[in-house]
Protein backbone atom coordinates (compact mmCIF):
# COMPACT_ATOMS: atom_id res chain seq x y z
CA MET A 1 -0.04 -0.03 -0.06
CA LYS A 2 2.80 2.42 0.84
CA THR A 3 4.55 1.61 -2.39
CA LYS A 4 1.32 2.27 -4.19
CA ILE A 5 0.87 5.71 -2.64
CA ILE A 6 4.44 6.77 -3.45
CA THR A 7 3.99 5.71 -7.08
CA LEU A 8 0.80 7.61 -7.37
CA ALA A 9 2.37 10.69 -5.89
CA LEU A 10 5.35 10.50 -8.20
CA THR A 11 2.91 10.12 -11.10
CA GLY A 12 1.01 13.29 -10.09
CA ALA A 13 4.27 15.17 -9.77
CA LEU A 14 5.34 14.11 -13.17
CA THR A 15 1.98 15.13 -14.63
CA MET A 16 2.08 18.57 -13.19
CA ALA A 17 5.56 19.17 -14.11
CA THR A 18 4.78 17.98 -17.72
CA ALA A 19 1.67 20.32 -17.74
CA TYR A 20 3.72 23.16 -16.30
CA GLY A 21 6.46 22.76 -18.93
CA GLN A 22 3.77 22.95 -21.62
CA ASP A 23 3.11 26.71 -21.73
CA ASP A 24 0.64 28.24 -23.90
CA PRO A 25 2.17 28.58 -27.34
CA ASP A 26 0.73 32.07 -27.75
CA ARG A 27 2.40 33.09 -24.49
CA GLU A 28 5.85 31.72 -25.57
CA ALA A 29 5.41 33.64 -28.84
CA ALA A 30 4.48 36.81 -26.92
CA LYS A 31 7.77 36.21 -24.70
CA THR A 32 9.95 35.65 -27.98
CA LYS A 33 8.41 38.82 -29.49
CA ALA A 34 9.12 40.84 -26.39
CA ALA A 35 12.72 39.75 -26.56
CA SER A 36 13.17 40.50 -30.18
CA ILE A 37 13.47 43.72 -32.23
CA PRO A 38 11.86 44.50 -35.59
CA ASP A 39 14.04 44.78 -38.64
CA LYS A 40 13.16 48.54 -38.73
CA VAL A 41 12.29 50.63 -35.71
CA GLN A 42 11.73 54.40 -35.17
CA THR A 43 13.46 55.82 -32.05
CA VAL A 44 14.70 58.99 -30.45
CA ALA A 45 18.03 58.01 -32.16
CA GLY A 46 16.60 57.83 -35.57
CA GLU A 47 15.51 54.73 -37.69
CA LEU A 48 17.47 51.72 -36.48
CA GLU A 49 17.77 48.65 -38.98
CA PHE A 50 18.40 45.06 -38.07
CA PHE A 51 18.95 41.62 -39.88
CA ASP A 52 17.26 39.22 -37.62
CA GLY A 53 18.40 41.20 -34.59
CA VAL A 54 21.86 42.16 -35.92
CA PRO A 55 22.48 45.79 -36.31
CA ILE A 56 23.11 46.67 -39.94
CA GLY A 57 23.75 49.92 -42.06
CA ASP A 58 24.42 53.01 -39.71
CA THR A 59 22.55 51.55 -36.82
CA ASN A 60 25.61 51.01 -34.63
CA ASP A 61 26.84 54.54 -35.10
CA ARG A 62 23.33 55.86 -34.22
CA VAL A 63 23.32 53.84 -31.25
CA TYR A 64 26.79 54.68 -30.00
CA ASP A 65 26.15 58.32 -30.62
CA TYR A 66 22.92 58.24 -28.56
CA LEU A 67 24.80 56.45 -25.80
CA THR A 68 27.41 58.86 -25.70
CA ARG A 69 25.14 61.96 -25.97
CA SER A 70 23.10 60.58 -23.17
CA ARG A 71 25.90 59.66 -21.01
CA ALA A 72 27.53 63.19 -21.42
CA LEU A 73 24.15 64.74 -20.45
CA GLY A 74 24.27 62.67 -17.31
CA VAL A 75 27.86 63.91 -16.57
CA TYR A 76 26.67 67.39 -16.98
CA LEU A 77 23.89 67.21 -14.65
CA ASP A 78 25.80 65.07 -12.08
CA ASN A 79 28.66 67.69 -11.92
CA VAL A 80 26.96 71.15 -12.16
CA GLY A 81 28.05 72.04 -8.67
CA ALA A 82 31.70 71.24 -9.34
CA VAL A 83 31.97 73.06 -12.71
CA SER A 84 29.99 76.06 -11.38
CA ILE A 85 32.14 76.60 -8.16
CA TYR A 86 35.36 76.09 -10.20
CA SER A 87 34.16 78.90 -12.57
CA VAL A 88 33.63 81.12 -9.63
CA LEU A 89 37.12 80.63 -8.35
CA ALA A 90 38.60 80.92 -11.77
CA GLY A 91 36.90 84.24 -12.29
CA MET A 92 38.37 85.45 -8.92
CA ALA A 93 41.84 84.23 -9.90
CA GLU A 94 41.89 86.23 -13.12
CA GLN A 95 41.22 89.21 -10.79
CA GLY A 96 44.19 88.61 -8.52
CA ALA A 97 42.51 86.37 -5.84
CA ASP A 98 44.72 83.50 -6.99
CA ALA A 99 45.92 81.80 -3.82
CA PRO A 100 44.26 80.85 -0.57
CA ASN A 101 45.72 83.89 1.21
CA LYS A 102 44.46 86.26 -1.48
CA ILE A 103 40.74 86.50 -0.60
CA ALA A 104 38.06 88.14 -2.79
CA ILE A 105 35.96 90.45 -1.03
CA TRP A 106 33.18 92.81 -2.05
CA GLU A 107 33.84 95.89 0.27
CA GLN A 108 31.13 97.96 -1.22
CA LEU A 109 28.82 94.99 -1.60
CA MET A 110 28.19 93.04 -4.72
CA ASP A 111 26.43 94.77 -7.69
CA SER A 112 25.28 93.80 -11.16
CA ARG A 113 28.62 94.35 -12.72
CA THR A 114 30.04 91.19 -11.25
CA PRO A 115 27.99 88.23 -12.56
CA VAL A 116 27.74 85.77 -9.59
CA ILE A 117 24.91 83.34 -9.73
CA THR A 118 21.96 84.73 -7.48
CA SER A 119 24.21 87.02 -5.32
CA ASN A 120 22.61 89.61 -3.26
CA THR A 121 23.24 93.29 -2.69
CA SER A 122 22.53 93.27 1.13
CA THR A 123 25.58 91.30 2.66
CA MET A 124 29.18 91.39 2.47
CA TYR A 125 30.68 88.45 0.72
CA ALA A 126 34.31 86.99 0.99
CA TYR A 127 35.35 83.90 -1.02
CA ALA A 128 38.80 81.89 -0.99
CA PRO A 129 39.95 78.47 -2.28
CA THR A 130 42.17 76.09 -0.58
CA ASP A 131 45.11 74.16 -2.41
CA LEU A 132 45.66 71.26 -0.08
CA ALA A 133 47.71 69.25 -2.61
CA LYS A 134 50.32 72.15 -2.66
CA ASP A 135 50.06 73.66 0.81
CA GLY A 136 49.09 70.54 2.92
CA PRO A 137 47.12 71.13 6.21
CA THR A 138 45.73 74.74 5.98
CA VAL A 139 44.70 77.08 8.77
CA ILE A 140 41.71 79.48 8.44
CA GLU A 141 41.39 82.01 11.00
CA ILE A 142 38.11 83.85 11.21
CA PRO A 143 37.03 86.86 13.20
CA PRO A 144 34.02 87.26 15.33
CA GLY A 145 30.52 87.65 13.79
CA MET A 146 31.12 85.58 10.68
CA LEU A 147 28.63 83.35 8.90
CA GLY A 148 30.46 80.96 6.80
CA PHE A 149 31.33 77.37 5.66
CA LEU A 150 33.49 75.25 3.52
CA ASP A 151 32.33 73.23 0.55
CA ASP A 152 34.40 70.68 -1.43
CA ALA A 153 35.41 70.81 -5.08
CA TRP A 154 32.10 69.39 -5.96
CA GLN A 155 30.27 71.98 -3.81
CA ARG A 156 29.34 69.51 -1.12
CA PHE A 157 29.02 70.54 2.40
CA VAL A 158 32.07 70.05 4.52
CA GLY A 159 31.52 72.24 7.79
CA ASN A 160 30.22 75.43 9.14
CA MET A 161 32.34 78.30 10.61
CA GLY A 162 31.17 81.45 12.47
CA VAL A 163 27.75 81.77 13.92
CA THR A 164 26.53 78.37 12.81
CA GLY A 165 29.88 76.73 13.55
CA PRO A 166 31.62 75.33 16.51
CA ASP A 167 33.06 78.78 17.36
CA LYS A 168 29.45 80.14 17.85
CA GLY A 169 30.37 83.47 16.22
CA LYS A 170 33.22 84.26 18.53
CA GLY A 171 35.86 83.43 15.86
CA GLY A 172 38.49 80.78 16.02
CA LYS A 173 41.08 78.77 14.13
CA TYR A 174 40.03 76.05 11.67
CA LEU A 175 42.50 73.32 10.42
CA VAL A 176 41.52 71.81 6.87
CA LEU A 177 43.25 68.48 6.41
CA PRO A 178 44.10 67.11 2.93
CA PRO A 179 42.34 63.83 1.73
CA GLY A 180 43.86 60.84 3.43
CA TYR A 181 45.97 62.83 5.87
CA THR A 182 47.71 60.67 8.36
CA GLY A 183 49.96 63.11 9.97
CA GLU A 184 49.96 64.59 13.42
CA ILE A 185 46.99 67.03 14.21
CA PRO A 186 47.83 69.89 16.67
CA GLU A 187 45.56 70.86 19.40
CA GLY A 188 43.71 74.17 19.36
CA TYR A 189 41.84 74.03 16.12
CA TYR A 190 38.42 73.01 14.83
CA ILE A 191 39.02 70.19 12.39
CA LEU A 192 37.63 69.93 8.77
CA LYS A 193 38.34 66.86 6.57
CA PRO A 194 37.15 67.57 3.01
CA PRO A 195 37.40 64.58 0.28
CA THR A 196 39.03 67.07 -2.31
CA ASN A 197 42.10 69.30 -2.32
CA ARG A 198 40.48 72.48 -3.87
CA ASN A 199 37.71 73.57 -1.54
CA PHE A 200 35.62 76.87 -1.31
CA LEU A 201 35.59 79.11 1.61
CA PHE A 202 32.39 81.16 1.87
CA LEU A 203 32.15 83.91 4.45
CA ARG A 204 29.58 86.75 5.12
CA GLY A 205 30.16 89.52 7.27
CA SER A 206 27.65 91.46 9.34
CA ILE A 207 27.10 94.95 8.11
CA LYS A 208 24.82 96.22 10.95
CA ASP A 209 27.61 98.74 11.97
CA GLY A 210 28.36 99.72 8.54
CA LEU A 211 30.54 98.71 5.62
CA GLU A 212 33.69 100.04 7.02
CA ALA A 213 33.45 98.33 10.24
CA ALA A 214 32.67 95.05 8.40
CA VAL A 215 35.78 95.45 6.19
CA GLU A 216 37.96 96.27 9.25
CA ASN A 217 36.81 93.05 10.92
CA PHE A 218 37.71 90.94 7.87
CA LYS A 219 41.21 92.67 7.79
CA ALA A 220 41.92 92.36 11.36
CA GLY A 221 40.95 88.87 11.80
CA LEU A 222 40.82 86.59 8.71
CA LYS A 223 43.83 84.86 7.87
CA VAL A 224 44.58 81.75 5.66
CA TYR A 225 47.99 80.08 5.61
CA PRO A 226 49.56 76.55 5.51
CA LEU A 227 50.06 75.02 8.99
CA LYS A 228 53.72 74.52 8.10
CA ASP A 229 54.11 78.25 8.07
CA ALA A 230 51.90 78.98 11.22
CA ALA A 231 55.23 80.44 12.99
CA ASN A 232 55.64 83.07 10.28
CA PRO A 233 52.60 83.06 7.81
CA ALA A 234 52.58 85.20 4.63
CA PRO A 235 50.20 88.25 5.22
CA THR A 236 46.60 87.62 4.30
CA GLU A 237 45.52 90.02 1.28
CA LEU A 238 41.96 91.00 0.78
CA VAL A 239 41.29 91.67 -2.93
CA ASN A 240 38.28 94.05 -3.38
CA MET A 241 35.97 93.01 -6.15
CA SER A 242 33.32 95.60 -5.81
CA GLY A 243 32.69 97.32 -9.10
CA ARG A 244 34.69 95.02 -11.22
CA SER A 245 33.25 93.51 -14.31
CA PHE A 246 34.25 89.96 -14.84
CA SER A 247 32.32 86.61 -15.21
CA THR A 248 31.97 83.66 -12.88
CA ILE A 249 29.31 81.86 -14.82
CA PHE A 250 29.95 78.35 -15.96
CA PRO A 251 29.58 77.65 -19.68
CA SER A 252 27.24 75.17 -21.27
CA THR A 253 29.42 74.30 -24.21
CA LEU A 254 32.17 71.96 -24.88
CA GLU A 255 34.11 74.02 -22.38
CA TYR A 256 32.02 72.63 -19.71
CA TYR A 257 33.62 69.18 -19.98
CA GLU A 258 37.17 70.59 -20.34
CA ILE A 259 36.63 72.38 -16.93
CA LEU A 260 35.41 69.21 -15.54
CA ASN A 261 38.40 67.25 -16.69
CA ASN A 262 40.61 70.06 -14.91
CA ILE A 263 38.82 69.28 -11.82
CA VAL A 264 39.06 65.46 -11.93
CA GLN A 265 42.96 65.77 -12.75
CA ALA A 266 43.41 67.87 -9.50
CA GLU A 267 41.44 65.76 -7.20
CA PRO A 268 41.73 62.22 -5.66
CA ILE A 269 40.36 59.47 -7.79
CA ASP A 270 37.82 58.70 -5.18
CA ALA A 271 36.53 62.15 -4.68
CA VAL A 272 33.30 60.79 -6.55
CA GLY A 273 31.96 57.30 -6.69
CA PRO A 274 32.70 54.63 -9.35
CA GLU A 275 29.40 55.13 -11.15
CA VAL A 276 30.10 58.90 -11.80
CA ARG A 277 33.65 58.02 -12.72
CA GLY A 278 32.41 55.36 -15.17
CA TYR A 279 30.17 57.84 -16.75
CA MET A 280 32.93 60.45 -17.16
CA ALA A 281 35.21 57.71 -18.43
CA SER A 282 32.62 56.91 -21.00
CA ILE A 283 33.18 60.39 -22.59
CA GLY A 284 36.95 60.41 -22.33
CA ILE A 285 37.44 62.03 -18.77
CA VAL A 286 39.66 59.82 -16.79
CA LYS A 287 42.19 61.01 -14.08
CA GLY A 288 45.79 60.59 -15.23
CA GLN A 289 44.84 60.66 -18.97
CA PRO A 290 44.63 63.60 -21.50
CA PHE A 291 41.16 64.73 -22.55
CA ASN A 292 41.29 64.97 -26.35
CA PRO A 293 37.84 64.47 -27.93
CA ASP A 294 37.85 63.96 -31.60
CA ALA A 295 35.49 65.86 -33.97
CA ARG A 296 32.73 63.42 -33.58
CA MET A 297 32.87 63.51 -29.75
CA LYS A 298 33.14 67.38 -29.63
CA LYS A 299 29.95 67.56 -31.54
CA LEU A 300 28.07 65.04 -29.16
CA LEU A 301 29.63 66.75 -26.06
CA THR A 302 28.38 70.26 -27.42
CA GLU A 303 24.84 68.81 -27.93
CA ALA A 304 24.85 67.16 -24.36
CA ALA A 305 25.75 70.55 -22.91
CA LEU A 306 23.06 72.35 -24.66
CA LEU A 307 20.68 69.57 -23.38
CA GLY A 308 22.01 69.95 -19.92
CA ASN A 309 21.44 73.70 -20.10
CA ALA A 310 17.83 73.15 -21.34
CA ALA A 311 17.30 70.52 -18.67
CA GLY A 312 18.47 73.02 -15.82
CA ARG A 313 15.84 75.61 -17.05
CA SER A 314 12.93 73.07 -17.30
CA ILE A 315 13.78 71.82 -13.79
CA THR A 316 13.75 75.53 -12.61
CA TYR A 317 10.61 76.65 -14.45
CA ASP A 318 8.59 73.61 -14.51
CA THR A 319 9.53 71.80 -11.34
CA ARG A 320 8.17 68.30 -11.07
CA ILE A 321 9.66 67.18 -7.82
CA SER A 322 7.89 67.49 -4.38
CA GLY A 323 9.07 69.91 -1.70
CA VAL A 324 9.93 72.79 -4.00
CA LYS A 325 6.62 74.65 -3.83
CA ILE A 326 6.53 76.77 -0.74
CA TYR A 327 2.72 76.83 -0.78
CA PRO A 328 1.81 73.41 -2.27
CA GLY A 329 -1.74 72.75 -3.06
CA THR A 330 -2.36 76.31 -4.07
CA ASN A 331 -1.93 78.43 -7.18
CA SER A 332 1.23 80.04 -5.83
CA ASN A 333 4.50 80.15 -7.90
CA TRP A 334 6.87 80.80 -4.99
CA VAL A 335 9.44 78.21 -4.78
CA THR A 336 12.58 77.27 -2.86
CA ALA A 337 15.93 76.29 -4.09
CA TYR A 338 16.22 73.51 -1.52
CA ALA A 339 13.74 70.82 -2.16
CA ASN A 340 12.32 69.67 1.09
CA LYS A 341 14.94 71.86 2.83
CA ASN A 342 17.37 69.11 2.20
CA THR A 343 21.01 70.26 1.39
CA SER A 344 22.36 66.85 0.89
CA PHE A 345 19.68 66.18 -1.79
CA GLN A 346 19.50 62.61 -0.39
CA ALA A 347 16.56 60.90 1.11
CA ASP A 348 15.59 57.36 1.93
CA GLY A 349 18.87 55.96 0.34
CA ALA A 350 18.51 57.81 -2.99
CA MET A 351 19.95 60.94 -4.60
CA ASN A 352 17.24 63.47 -5.64
CA LEU A 353 18.87 64.14 -9.01
CA ASP A 354 16.55 66.99 -10.05
CA ALA A 355 16.62 68.71 -6.51
CA ARG A 356 20.46 68.70 -6.99
CA VAL A 357 20.40 70.17 -10.35
CA LEU A 358 17.72 72.85 -9.31
CA PHE A 359 20.10 74.08 -6.61
CA TYR A 360 23.50 74.14 -8.33
CA TYR A 361 21.99 75.42 -11.59
CA ASN A 362 20.63 78.54 -9.70
CA ALA A 363 22.59 79.18 -6.62
CA GLY A 364 26.08 78.54 -5.15
CA GLY A 365 27.34 77.44 -1.80
CA VAL A 366 25.74 74.55 0.29
CA THR A 367 25.31 74.51 4.02
CA PRO A 368 22.47 73.11 6.07
CA ALA A 369 22.31 76.59 7.85
CA MET A 370 20.76 78.22 4.74
CA ALA A 371 17.99 75.75 4.71
CA THR A 372 17.30 75.52 8.29
CA PRO A 373 17.02 79.07 9.73
CA HIS A 374 15.71 79.39 13.21
CA VAL A 375 12.88 81.83 14.11
CA GLY A 376 14.36 85.39 14.29
CA GLU A 377 17.69 84.41 12.95
CA GLY A 378 19.52 83.77 9.69
CA SER A 379 17.55 84.01 6.39
CA ASP A 380 15.19 82.33 4.31
CA TYR A 381 14.45 82.86 0.52
CA ALA A 382 11.50 82.39 -1.77
CA LEU A 383 12.08 82.56 -5.61
CA GLY A 384 9.45 84.11 -7.85
CA VAL A 385 10.03 82.40 -11.26
CA LEU A 386 6.65 82.77 -12.99
CA ASP A 387 3.83 85.43 -12.71
CA SER A 388 0.38 84.91 -11.20
CA LYS A 389 -0.94 83.26 -14.54
CA ASP A 390 2.04 80.69 -14.66
CA GLN A 391 3.75 82.74 -17.38
CA PRO A 392 7.43 83.83 -17.72
CA PHE A 393 7.90 87.53 -16.72
CA ASP A 394 8.05 89.96 -19.71
CA GLY A 395 10.48 92.71 -19.26
CA SER A 396 8.35 95.07 -21.46
CA LYS A 397 5.36 94.76 -18.97
CA THR A 398 4.81 96.09 -15.44
CA TYR A 399 4.14 93.86 -12.53
CA LYS A 400 3.25 94.31 -8.87
CA LEU A 401 4.13 92.21 -5.82
CA HIS A 402 2.09 92.86 -2.81
CA LEU A 403 3.43 92.19 0.57
CA PRO A 404 0.73 92.15 3.38
CA PRO A 405 1.11 94.19 6.57
CA ASN A 406 3.46 93.19 9.26
CA VAL A 407 6.04 91.41 7.13
CA PRO A 408 7.48 88.72 9.50
CA VAL A 409 11.08 89.68 9.80
CA ASN A 410 13.40 90.43 12.70
CA ASN A 411 15.81 92.25 10.57
CA PHE A 412 14.83 93.30 7.06
CA TRP A 413 13.41 92.02 3.91
CA ALA A 414 14.70 92.52 0.42
CA VAL A 415 13.73 91.64 -3.18
CA THR A 416 16.39 91.30 -5.84
CA ILE A 417 15.71 90.88 -9.61
CA TYR A 418 17.85 88.45 -11.73
CA ASP A 419 18.60 87.61 -15.42
CA THR A 420 16.85 84.40 -16.60
CA GLN A 421 19.86 83.78 -18.84
CA THR A 422 22.74 84.05 -16.49
CA ARG A 423 20.83 83.81 -13.13
CA CYS A 424 22.85 86.70 -11.90
CA GLN A 425 21.64 90.25 -11.12
CA LEU A 426 19.82 91.74 -13.93
CA GLN A 427 21.94 94.62 -15.51
CA THR A 428 19.87 97.67 -15.83
CA SER A 429 20.06 101.27 -14.97
CA GLN A 430 19.94 100.18 -11.25
CA LEU A 431 23.38 99.21 -10.35
CA PHE A 432 22.18 97.52 -7.09
CA PRO A 433 18.88 95.77 -8.41
CA THR A 434 17.24 95.37 -4.89
CA VAL A 435 14.40 97.08 -3.05
CA GLY A 436 13.50 96.29 0.45
CA SER A 437 12.57 97.52 3.88
CA LEU A 438 15.84 99.26 4.27
CA THR A 439 16.51 100.61 0.88
CA LYS A 440 16.27 104.39 0.19
CA GLY A 441 12.87 105.75 -0.91
CA MET A 442 10.91 102.49 -0.12
CA LYS A 443 7.18 103.69 0.81
CA LYS A 444 4.91 101.59 3.02
CA ASN A 445 1.15 101.59 2.49
CA ALA A 446 -1.27 103.15 4.94
CA ASP A 447 -2.15 99.64 6.31
CA GLY A 448 1.46 98.72 6.81
CA SER A 449 1.82 96.55 3.61
CA TYR A 450 4.19 97.12 0.69
CA ASP A 451 4.00 97.13 -3.04
CA VAL A 452 7.03 96.30 -5.20
CA TYR A 453 6.86 97.16 -8.93
CA PHE A 454 8.84 95.67 -11.71
CA GLY A 455 8.79 97.18 -15.23
CA PRO A 456 10.72 99.33 -17.78
CA LYS A 457 9.51 102.46 -16.21
CA ALA A 458 8.81 103.29 -12.54
CA PRO A 459 5.11 104.01 -11.70
CA GLU A 460 4.75 107.74 -10.91
CA GLY A 461 5.60 108.29 -7.15
CA LYS A 462 6.71 104.71 -6.70
CA GLU A 463 10.36 105.06 -7.65
CA GLY A 464 11.69 103.81 -4.47
CA ASN A 465 9.46 100.72 -4.67
CA TRP A 466 10.55 99.77 -8.26
CA LEU A 467 12.83 97.50 -9.74
CA ALA A 468 13.94 98.23 -13.54
CA THR A 469 13.42 95.54 -16.15
CA ASN A 470 14.79 95.33 -19.71
CA PRO A 471 11.96 95.33 -22.34
CA ASP A 472 13.64 92.83 -24.55
CA LYS A 473 14.34 90.31 -21.79
CA SER A 474 12.73 88.14 -19.07
CA TRP A 475 13.66 88.08 -15.43
CA PHE A 476 12.81 86.30 -12.01
CA CYS A 477 13.26 87.63 -8.49
CA ILE A 478 14.09 86.33 -5.01
CA LEU A 479 12.46 87.58 -1.81
CA ARG A 480 14.86 87.47 1.05
CA MET A 481 13.65 87.41 4.61
CA TYR A 482 16.38 88.27 7.12
CA GLY A 483 15.49 86.92 10.59
CA PRO A 484 12.11 85.47 9.58
CA LEU A 485 9.55 85.17 12.20
CA GLU A 486 6.98 82.52 13.05
CA PRO A 487 4.24 83.58 10.65
CA TRP A 488 6.57 83.07 7.76
CA PHE A 489 7.56 79.54 8.91
CA LYS A 490 3.79 78.59 9.75
CA LYS A 491 2.87 80.15 6.50
CA THR A 492 0.13 82.18 8.19
CA TRP A 493 1.69 85.26 6.41
CA ARG A 494 2.29 84.86 2.73
CA PRO A 495 3.55 87.25 -0.05
CA GLY A 496 1.15 87.98 -2.82
CA GLU A 497 1.67 86.46 -6.20
CA ILE A 498 3.44 88.76 -8.76
CA GLU A 499 0.74 89.94 -11.10
CA SER A 500 0.95 91.71 -14.48
CA VAL A 501 -0.73 95.37 -14.11
CA ASN A 502 -0.52 96.13 -17.77
CA GLN A 503 0.55 94.68 -21.09
CA PRO A 504 2.23 96.06 -24.22
CA ILE A 505 -0.07 97.17 -27.10
CA GLY A 506 -0.12 94.37 -29.61
CA GLU A 507 -1.19 90.70 -29.56
CA GLY A 508 -2.57 89.83 -26.04
CA GLY A 509 -2.11 93.56 -25.01
CA ILE A 510 -4.47 96.26 -23.79
CA ILE A 511 -6.25 96.67 -26.97
CA GLU A 512 -7.14 92.98 -27.07
CA GLU A 513 -8.25 93.20 -23.43
CA LEU A 514 -10.51 96.25 -24.07
CA GLU A 515 -11.87 94.67 -27.14
CA GLU A 516 -12.75 91.48 -25.23
CA ALA A 517 -14.28 93.36 -22.37
CA ILE A 518 -16.58 95.25 -24.84
CA LYS A 519 -17.70 91.87 -26.32
């Protein structure tokens, strides 16, 4: 009996296995078709041809061109932070701030003559590089009252200094160690360990006691020198950049990849991960090897840079990632550059690729302190990139921004206007394209609210509340809240949308509006 049961069980198992192995012929055919490719197929790479699955004609060239172009686009988007900050430091070096102890400073503040991405006209900037491969461990002494940080060559946050750093605004000595440093570390320093040799020092000085006092504070207390020269350091020189016309904007041409190659050659091979290095290697950027693209590669890289430039703009003006809209679920077009207030751009084990591009394409300098201000301290920003009807701003039109009464700031608020092409201060008749609660001529309404106007001509009597535009250009603006208060964070106070108050005569203009109203 037992033998009979076993025999029946085996027979049943074999029957089931046989039935399982005999799949539906239609299903098998569908699987084969899904794994196959037609002899001719239309794709974004063009028409591709095959002989029973084998590429023929110019199909291989089309496919490899597409792979190279798409990988180069990925390289562009992955490395915007690196190329952007390199361009800033290169621009300063051309003006004489070409060593760690030669620090660029804007003693009369930054104006529109110096294109720096979304810089403001309200605080005093100071920038400096490090060159750890040449200098070894480097000392940075900062005076009291600074707000600053160090970013690495890819513009990744390394550490805070000053008010938000370990010295708590009292000033102090920081020691920046080269990648892989194993030597002795002396006592008495705050230690910073970047993964790159070239790093970016960003400092803001308080101007509450005036510009001259702020400059003197920098001159008296800011020093940068190699640790090996600590006993007798070379003097630190402040190079005044105010009023100088020079560019710090990164290019979106073949030069973008040439700059990136320069960065790669100067940094440790593991400054970025193997995946990013693999993408760079696929387009010819390899540490220790020359970057010599041929004519085909130059053409594809140029196209990829153009696509990267376009992607940065689409991500800016039609953001499709969460955490960017300041007032989600409403018709508001106010946005933040830090999606979800996340300065690492990472969450749940993944990199938010578009959030990273959004920031680096439109701003510079990464520190958690800029994304997490405390009530009444620091600053917070809102970008106005489209008007109340979801349209780009037209420099030939006049617009109005209404700020309700009791603007919730402990210090002051300011609105700065920017060029949509360069993302730098818009160059107009106004050298300092900013208006705010502390600017000369700003008028408050009877109820305590403010109206800010944008247009080619100031509304009569509103000159102090007006920001000039160029009739043949677009623009965007940033509302900066210095010392934002609780209503700002709780969103119980909210700026109005930027509305067009007139239109030029012509298509979609005043005449058409009147005709439509008459109908």
